[in-house]
Amino acid sequence: MLVLFKLKTYSPSMTNEREYPVPIKEIYFPVKVTDIERYKKFYEETFNFEISWYIGPEAGWCEFFLPGKVAKLGLNLVEKDHEYLPNSGVLTFNVPVLEETKKYLEGKSIETTEIVDIPKMVSYFNIKDSEGNSIQIISEPRINE
């Protein structure tokens, strides 16, 4: 079985070294969607994300835990009288093995771009979610010279 995401963990002593003037309980990455059920299905079936809050499409909001449960992905339904524009931000997932992840996503009939290699920096490819929002899949550089 392919393990797509692994979160690096840090010791509690490391997280206590810095004090923040604003106590932040959670971090959200919200994305605008026009069909919350389709979008929810995409993230459940593609990435196996766990829903942290959802009471139905009428609420216009759904939350997923992201790997490690340190941040959440929020699905924000666009109101009927408002124009839908895909997010300009890019949700980025750092994966251990880029090629295996690409193959997995293509096996789910998700169109992927070619892998781009920036030597000594990063290797990545892009996909679109069910609403056309960009997702970038990155990994350690495949070229280190």
Protein backbone atom coordinates (compact mmCIF):
# COMPACT_ATOMS: atom_id res chain seq x y z
CA MET A 1 0.00 0.00 0.00
CA LEU A 2 1.32 3.42 -0.95
CA VAL A 3 1.72 5.82 1.97
CA LEU A 4 1.30 9.25 0.44
CA PHE A 5 1.95 11.60 3.31
CA LYS A 6 4.08 11.45 6.41
CA LEU A 7 4.28 14.35 8.81
CA LYS A 8 7.57 15.11 10.50
CA THR A 9 7.05 15.26 14.24
CA TYR A 10 8.90 17.47 16.63
CA SER A 11 9.48 17.09 20.34
CA PRO A 12 7.26 19.16 22.64
CA SER A 13 10.32 21.00 23.91
CA MET A 14 10.97 22.30 20.39
CA THR A 15 7.45 23.68 20.01
CA ASN A 16 7.65 25.42 23.40
CA GLU A 17 10.82 27.37 22.54
CA ARG A 18 8.92 30.12 20.73
CA GLU A 19 6.18 32.25 22.22
CA TYR A 20 3.54 33.75 19.96
CA PRO A 21 1.78 37.03 20.80
CA VAL A 22 -1.49 35.74 19.35
CA PRO A 23 -2.55 32.30 20.61
CA ILE A 24 -3.61 30.37 17.50
CA LYS A 25 -5.71 27.29 18.17
CA GLU A 26 -5.93 25.97 14.60
CA ILE A 27 -4.79 26.81 11.08
CA TYR A 28 -7.19 26.57 8.14
CA PHE A 29 -6.57 26.60 4.41
CA PRO A 30 -9.99 27.53 2.99
CA VAL A 31 -10.87 26.94 -0.66
CA LYS A 32 -13.92 28.18 -2.56
CA VAL A 33 -16.11 25.50 -4.10
CA THR A 34 -19.31 25.41 -6.15
CA ASP A 35 -20.26 21.81 -5.40
CA ILE A 36 -19.33 20.88 -1.84
CA GLU A 37 -20.40 17.23 -2.18
CA ARG A 38 -18.22 16.68 -5.28
CA TYR A 39 -15.28 18.41 -3.65
CA LYS A 40 -15.72 16.48 -0.39
CA LYS A 41 -15.78 13.23 -2.35
CA PHE A 42 -12.58 14.22 -4.22
CA TYR A 43 -10.57 14.71 -1.01
CA GLU A 44 -12.07 11.68 0.74
CA GLU A 45 -11.47 9.30 -2.17
CA THR A 46 -8.20 10.72 -3.51
CA PHE A 47 -6.29 11.55 -0.33
CA ASN A 48 -8.36 9.71 2.32
CA PHE A 49 -8.63 12.93 4.38
CA GLU A 50 -10.70 12.61 7.55
CA ILE A 51 -13.67 14.95 7.91
CA SER A 52 -13.42 17.01 11.10
CA TRP A 53 -16.72 18.90 10.69
CA TYR A 54 -19.64 18.62 8.28
CA ILE A 55 -23.39 18.82 8.83
CA GLY A 56 -24.51 18.89 5.20
CA PRO A 57 -24.28 21.00 2.05
CA GLU A 58 -26.80 23.55 3.33
CA ALA A 59 -24.24 24.80 5.89
CA GLY A 60 -21.84 25.72 3.07
CA TRP A 61 -18.77 24.55 5.02
CA CYS A 62 -16.85 21.32 5.44
CA GLU A 63 -13.56 20.73 7.24
CA PHE A 64 -10.94 18.05 6.74
CA PHE A 65 -8.04 17.24 9.01
CA LEU A 66 -4.81 17.49 7.04
CA PRO A 67 -2.11 14.88 7.74
CA GLY A 68 -0.82 15.28 11.29
CA LYS A 69 -3.98 17.16 12.28
CA VAL A 70 -2.03 20.41 12.74
CA ALA A 71 -4.03 22.23 10.06
CA LYS A 72 -7.40 21.85 8.37
CA LEU A 73 -8.67 22.17 4.83
CA GLY A 74 -11.93 24.13 4.79
CA LEU A 75 -14.39 23.87 1.91
CA ASN A 76 -16.28 27.16 1.59
CA LEU A 77 -19.36 26.99 -0.65
CA VAL A 78 -19.72 30.00 -2.96
CA GLU A 79 -23.11 31.66 -2.51
CA LYS A 80 -25.45 31.41 -5.51
CA ASP A 81 -25.37 35.15 -6.26
CA HIS A 82 -21.57 35.38 -6.17
CA GLU A 83 -19.09 34.69 -8.94
CA TYR A 84 -16.90 31.62 -8.50
CA LEU A 85 -13.19 32.16 -9.02
CA PRO A 86 -10.76 29.32 -8.25
CA ASN A 87 -8.35 30.05 -5.41
CA SER A 88 -5.17 31.86 -6.31
CA GLY A 89 -3.22 30.08 -3.57
CA VAL A 90 -1.78 26.64 -4.19
CA LEU A 91 -2.30 23.81 -1.73
CA THR A 92 1.06 22.01 -1.64
CA PHE A 93 1.70 18.48 -0.40
CA ASN A 94 5.25 17.30 0.31
CA VAL A 95 5.45 13.57 -0.39
CA PRO A 96 8.23 11.02 0.16
CA VAL A 97 8.22 9.45 -3.34
CA LEU A 98 7.10 11.73 -6.17
CA GLU A 99 6.88 9.10 -8.92
CA GLU A 100 4.73 6.72 -6.84
CA THR A 101 2.38 9.55 -5.91
CA LYS A 102 2.08 10.61 -9.56
CA LYS A 103 1.28 7.03 -10.59
CA TYR A 104 -1.31 6.72 -7.79
CA LEU A 105 -3.09 9.94 -8.82
CA GLU A 106 -3.07 8.98 -12.50
CA GLY A 107 -4.58 5.64 -11.47
CA LYS A 108 -7.44 7.68 -9.97
CA SER A 109 -7.89 9.31 -13.43
CA ILE A 110 -6.46 12.61 -12.21
CA GLU A 111 -4.53 14.50 -14.87
CA THR A 112 -0.99 15.37 -13.79
CA THR A 113 1.61 17.63 -15.34
CA GLU A 114 5.10 16.43 -16.15
CA ILE A 115 7.53 16.38 -13.24
CA VAL A 116 9.62 19.54 -13.05
CA ASP A 117 13.09 19.26 -11.53
CA ILE A 118 14.84 22.27 -10.03
CA PRO A 119 18.28 20.84 -9.21
CA LYS A 120 19.31 20.91 -5.55
CA MET A 121 15.98 22.50 -4.62
CA VAL A 122 12.76 20.61 -5.42
CA SER A 123 10.97 18.28 -7.82
CA TYR A 124 7.23 18.70 -8.37
CA PHE A 125 4.15 18.24 -10.52
CA ASN A 126 0.70 19.79 -10.47
CA ILE A 127 -2.88 18.58 -10.49
CA LYS A 128 -6.30 20.23 -10.28
CA ASP A 129 -8.99 19.25 -7.80
CA SER A 130 -12.62 18.71 -8.76
CA GLU A 131 -13.27 22.49 -8.71
CA GLY A 132 -10.20 23.48 -10.75
CA ASN A 133 -8.10 24.63 -7.79
CA SER A 134 -4.38 23.95 -8.17
CA ILE A 135 -2.57 21.41 -6.01
CA GLN A 136 1.19 21.05 -6.19
CA ILE A 137 2.86 17.77 -5.23
CA ILE A 138 6.49 18.30 -4.21
CA SER A 139 9.37 16.13 -3.05
CA GLU A 140 13.07 16.25 -2.36
CA PRO A 141 15.01 17.15 -5.52
CA ARG A 142 15.61 14.21 -7.83
CA ILE A 143 18.65 16.03 -9.26
CA ASN A 144 21.31 16.95 -6.72
CA GLU A 145 24.19 18.03 -8.93
